[in-house]
Amino acid sequence: MLRHRVGTVCLAVLALFAFPREGSAHFMDFIWEMSGPQMIGVVVGCEYDLQRKTTECRALDKKLGRPGTGSSERPKLWVALDSAAYFSTGKDSGSLEFDWFGTGMLAFEPLLTVRSYGDGGEGLSVHHGLIGLSYDFLFGKDFSRFDKVGLKFTPIGVTYKGVTASFNLRVYPNGFTPDEFGFGPRQHDLSRPSETVIGFSVGRRW
């Protein structure tokens, strides 16, 4: 069963790499702390420029679409349309024990983003994810599949000489509880408290 789950995550990552995030390569996201497993994932997707009304995606460093479309300039206000595939790192959460690859997660996260400093080139640039949505689908070898919906924010992100890093917050009105990960009987009618999850993203611009 574990081999099947790991295969599912790997196939999802390969499928997502067909549409990588424009302007980024191997963009990694770490979900550092939550009421569940610590997770690491690969983020890919597109950017919709709200000023120029254009969308750009890349596949293997090749821009998708008709020649001459899009712009070489980085947008100042855009919607990041990100998808991601995650797996658990094996770090335990309190008394709860988690295994490497024991938990997988697929996520879709549109995020309204603005650049507040710099031009998006090789120098220092600062951006912020004002508000977005996080829809997550979790699965694993020891629990039934379930989904979560929350809000996503990036209080600050920086890019310098092609290297980019961001600090992320995800706020779930219906947080995570141990029974959802197979610890004890599943409680379907439980009123779960809200939860804020901390994360970090790192990568390199093309």
Protein backbone atom coordinates (compact mmCIF):
# COMPACT_ATOMS: atom_id res chain seq x y z
CA MET A 1 0.00 0.00 0.00
CA LEU A 2 2.82 2.42 0.85
CA ARG A 3 4.46 1.72 -2.53
CA HIS A 4 1.16 2.51 -4.23
CA ARG A 5 0.84 5.82 -2.37
CA VAL A 6 4.43 6.82 -3.17
CA GLY A 7 3.78 5.99 -6.83
CA THR A 8 0.68 8.18 -6.80
CA VAL A 9 2.64 11.16 -5.46
CA CYS A 10 5.46 10.64 -7.99
CA LEU A 11 3.02 10.47 -10.90
CA ALA A 12 1.33 13.64 -9.67
CA VAL A 13 4.66 15.47 -9.53
CA LEU A 14 5.55 14.36 -13.06
CA ALA A 15 2.17 15.49 -14.34
CA LEU A 16 2.46 18.88 -12.65
CA PHE A 17 5.91 19.44 -14.20
CA ALA A 18 4.19 19.64 -17.59
CA PHE A 19 3.02 23.14 -16.53
CA PRO A 20 5.71 24.63 -14.27
CA ARG A 21 5.37 28.03 -12.70
CA GLU A 22 6.45 30.75 -15.13
CA GLY A 23 9.84 32.15 -14.27
CA SER A 24 10.72 29.58 -11.60
CA ALA A 25 12.56 26.28 -11.55
CA HIS A 26 12.12 23.47 -9.03
CA PHE A 27 10.10 25.66 -6.66
CA MET A 28 9.98 23.82 -3.30
CA ASP A 29 7.47 24.47 -0.52
CA PHE A 30 7.87 23.36 3.11
CA ILE A 31 4.85 23.08 5.41
CA TRP A 32 6.86 23.46 8.59
CA GLU A 33 4.32 23.03 11.36
CA MET A 34 0.73 21.80 11.51
CA SER A 35 -1.46 19.49 13.62
CA GLY A 36 -0.28 16.63 11.46
CA PRO A 37 2.85 15.73 9.48
CA GLN A 38 5.52 18.13 8.34
CA MET A 39 5.41 18.14 4.54
CA ILE A 40 7.59 19.08 1.58
CA GLY A 41 6.34 19.60 -1.95
CA VAL A 42 7.03 20.75 -5.50
CA VAL A 43 5.03 23.78 -6.71
CA VAL A 44 4.27 24.43 -10.39
CA GLY A 45 1.76 26.60 -12.25
CA CYS A 46 1.17 29.81 -14.19
CA GLU A 47 0.93 33.57 -13.61
CA TYR A 48 -1.89 35.82 -14.81
CA ASP A 49 -0.73 39.43 -15.21
CA LEU A 50 -3.65 41.61 -14.10
CA GLN A 51 -2.26 44.73 -15.80
CA ARG A 52 -1.44 43.29 -19.22
CA LYS A 53 -4.22 40.66 -19.10
CA THR A 54 -1.80 37.92 -20.13
CA THR A 55 -1.05 34.44 -18.81
CA GLU A 56 2.35 32.79 -19.03
CA CYS A 57 3.43 29.23 -18.32
CA ARG A 58 6.60 27.37 -19.13
CA ALA A 59 7.45 23.75 -19.85
CA LEU A 60 11.12 22.72 -19.63
CA ASP A 61 12.10 26.41 -19.89
CA LYS A 62 10.00 26.82 -23.05
CA LYS A 63 7.20 29.39 -23.03
CA LEU A 64 3.84 27.87 -23.96
CA GLY A 65 1.60 29.71 -26.42
CA ARG A 66 2.02 31.50 -29.74
CA PRO A 67 5.38 33.13 -30.53
CA GLY A 68 5.43 36.81 -29.65
CA THR A 69 2.81 36.56 -26.90
CA GLY A 70 3.44 37.61 -23.31
CA SER A 71 6.10 39.98 -22.08
CA SER A 72 9.70 39.70 -20.87
CA GLU A 73 8.94 42.17 -18.06
CA ARG A 74 7.93 40.81 -14.69
CA PRO A 75 4.37 41.80 -13.65
CA LYS A 76 3.70 44.12 -10.72
CA LEU A 77 0.29 42.66 -9.87
CA TRP A 78 -0.59 39.10 -10.73
CA VAL A 79 -2.52 35.99 -9.74
CA ALA A 80 -0.29 32.98 -9.14
CA LEU A 81 -2.17 29.82 -10.17
CA ASP A 82 -0.13 27.21 -8.32
CA SER A 83 -0.55 23.46 -8.01
CA ALA A 84 1.59 21.30 -5.75
CA ALA A 85 2.29 17.72 -4.74
CA TYR A 86 3.52 17.08 -1.18
CA PHE A 87 4.68 14.14 0.94
CA SER A 88 5.36 13.81 4.66
CA THR A 89 8.97 14.12 5.86
CA GLY A 90 8.76 11.67 8.76
CA LYS A 91 8.92 14.38 11.45
CA ASP A 92 6.57 13.53 14.33
CA SER A 93 3.96 15.98 15.62
CA GLY A 94 3.88 15.80 19.40
CA SER A 95 3.03 12.20 20.33
CA LEU A 96 1.85 11.43 16.77
CA GLU A 97 4.30 9.43 14.68
CA PHE A 98 4.50 9.96 10.92
CA ASP A 99 6.52 8.13 8.26
CA TRP A 100 8.33 9.38 5.19
CA PHE A 101 5.87 9.25 2.26
CA GLY A 102 3.18 7.99 4.67
CA THR A 103 0.99 11.02 3.92
CA GLY A 104 0.52 12.69 0.55
CA MET A 105 -1.23 15.90 -0.40
CA LEU A 106 -2.27 17.57 -3.65
CA ALA A 107 -3.05 21.30 -3.51
CA PHE A 108 -4.40 24.05 -5.75
CA GLU A 109 -3.65 27.59 -4.55
CA PRO A 110 -4.57 30.72 -6.53
CA LEU A 111 -2.96 33.76 -4.85
CA LEU A 112 -3.27 37.50 -5.58
CA THR A 113 0.30 38.84 -5.48
CA VAL A 114 1.86 42.30 -5.68
CA ARG A 115 5.48 43.43 -6.01
CA SER A 116 6.21 46.30 -3.61
CA TYR A 117 9.91 46.84 -4.33
CA GLY A 118 12.28 46.30 -7.25
CA ASP A 119 11.63 45.53 -10.90
CA GLY A 120 11.65 41.74 -10.76
CA GLY A 121 15.08 41.56 -12.41
CA GLU A 122 18.44 40.46 -10.99
CA GLY A 123 18.38 42.99 -8.15
CA LEU A 124 16.44 42.78 -4.91
CA SER A 125 12.65 42.53 -5.32
CA VAL A 126 10.00 42.15 -2.62
CA HIS A 127 6.54 40.72 -3.16
CA HIS A 128 3.49 39.89 -1.04
CA GLY A 129 0.65 37.40 -1.44
CA LEU A 130 -2.31 39.53 -0.41
CA ILE A 131 -4.95 36.80 -0.22
CA GLY A 132 -5.54 33.43 -1.81
CA LEU A 133 -7.28 30.10 -1.53
CA SER A 134 -5.78 26.77 -0.52
CA TYR A 135 -7.69 23.63 -1.51
CA ASP A 136 -5.92 20.49 -0.28
CA PHE A 137 -6.60 16.80 -0.87
CA LEU A 138 -4.83 14.49 1.61
CA PHE A 139 -4.35 10.73 1.41
CA GLY A 140 -2.25 8.09 3.15
CA LYS A 141 -1.78 4.45 3.96
CA ASP A 142 -3.41 4.59 7.42
CA PHE A 143 -6.41 6.90 6.95
CA SER A 144 -9.30 7.70 4.65
CA ARG A 145 -8.83 10.46 2.10
CA PHE A 146 -10.13 13.91 3.01
CA ASP A 147 -9.90 17.52 1.85
CA LYS A 148 -9.44 20.93 3.46
CA VAL A 149 -10.15 24.49 2.37
CA GLY A 150 -8.32 27.48 3.80
CA LEU A 151 -6.97 30.95 3.06
CA LYS A 152 -3.37 31.50 1.99
CA PHE A 153 -1.20 34.58 2.57
CA THR A 154 2.42 35.37 1.79
CA PRO A 155 3.36 38.22 4.18
CA ILE A 156 6.71 38.63 2.43
CA GLY A 157 8.77 37.11 -0.35
CA VAL A 158 12.14 38.24 -1.71
CA THR A 159 14.07 37.60 -4.90
CA TYR A 160 17.76 38.42 -5.34
CA LYS A 161 20.06 37.39 -8.19
CA GLY A 162 17.66 34.69 -9.30
CA VAL A 163 17.10 33.12 -5.87
CA THR A 164 13.62 33.54 -4.36
CA ALA A 165 12.24 32.76 -0.90
CA SER A 166 8.80 33.32 0.63
CA PHE A 167 7.16 33.04 4.06
CA ASN A 168 3.65 31.58 3.81
CA LEU A 169 0.65 31.32 6.11
CA ARG A 170 -2.37 29.07 5.57
CA VAL A 171 -5.44 29.64 7.75
CA TYR A 172 -7.92 26.76 7.99
CA PRO A 173 -11.32 27.53 9.61
CA ASN A 174 -11.69 23.76 10.08
CA GLY A 175 -8.26 22.67 11.30
CA PHE A 176 -6.55 19.29 11.39
CA THR A 177 -7.11 16.72 14.16
CA PRO A 178 -5.37 13.36 14.87
CA ASP A 179 -8.40 11.23 13.92
CA GLU A 180 -8.15 12.48 10.33
CA PHE A 181 -4.69 10.89 10.08
CA GLY A 182 -5.77 7.53 11.47
CA PHE A 183 -5.11 8.11 15.18
CA GLY A 184 -8.29 6.87 16.87
CA PRO A 185 -11.79 6.52 15.40
CA ARG A 186 -12.71 9.01 12.68
CA GLN A 187 -14.97 11.80 13.97
CA HIS A 188 -17.09 13.03 11.07
CA ASP A 189 -19.28 15.41 13.11
CA LEU A 190 -16.44 16.96 15.13
CA SER A 191 -16.29 20.76 15.33
CA ARG A 192 -12.57 21.29 14.70
CA PRO A 193 -10.89 24.53 15.83
CA SER A 194 -9.29 26.85 13.31
CA GLU A 195 -5.58 26.45 12.63
CA THR A 196 -2.80 28.57 11.15
CA VAL A 197 -0.04 26.66 9.35
CA ILE A 198 3.45 28.07 8.76
CA GLY A 199 5.37 27.39 5.56
CA PHE A 200 8.38 28.47 3.50
CA SER A 201 9.04 28.41 -0.24
CA VAL A 202 12.43 28.47 -1.95
CA GLY A 203 13.47 28.34 -5.58
CA ARG A 204 15.42 29.91 -8.40
CA ARG A 205 14.26 32.11 -11.27
CA TRP A 206 15.00 31.07 -14.83
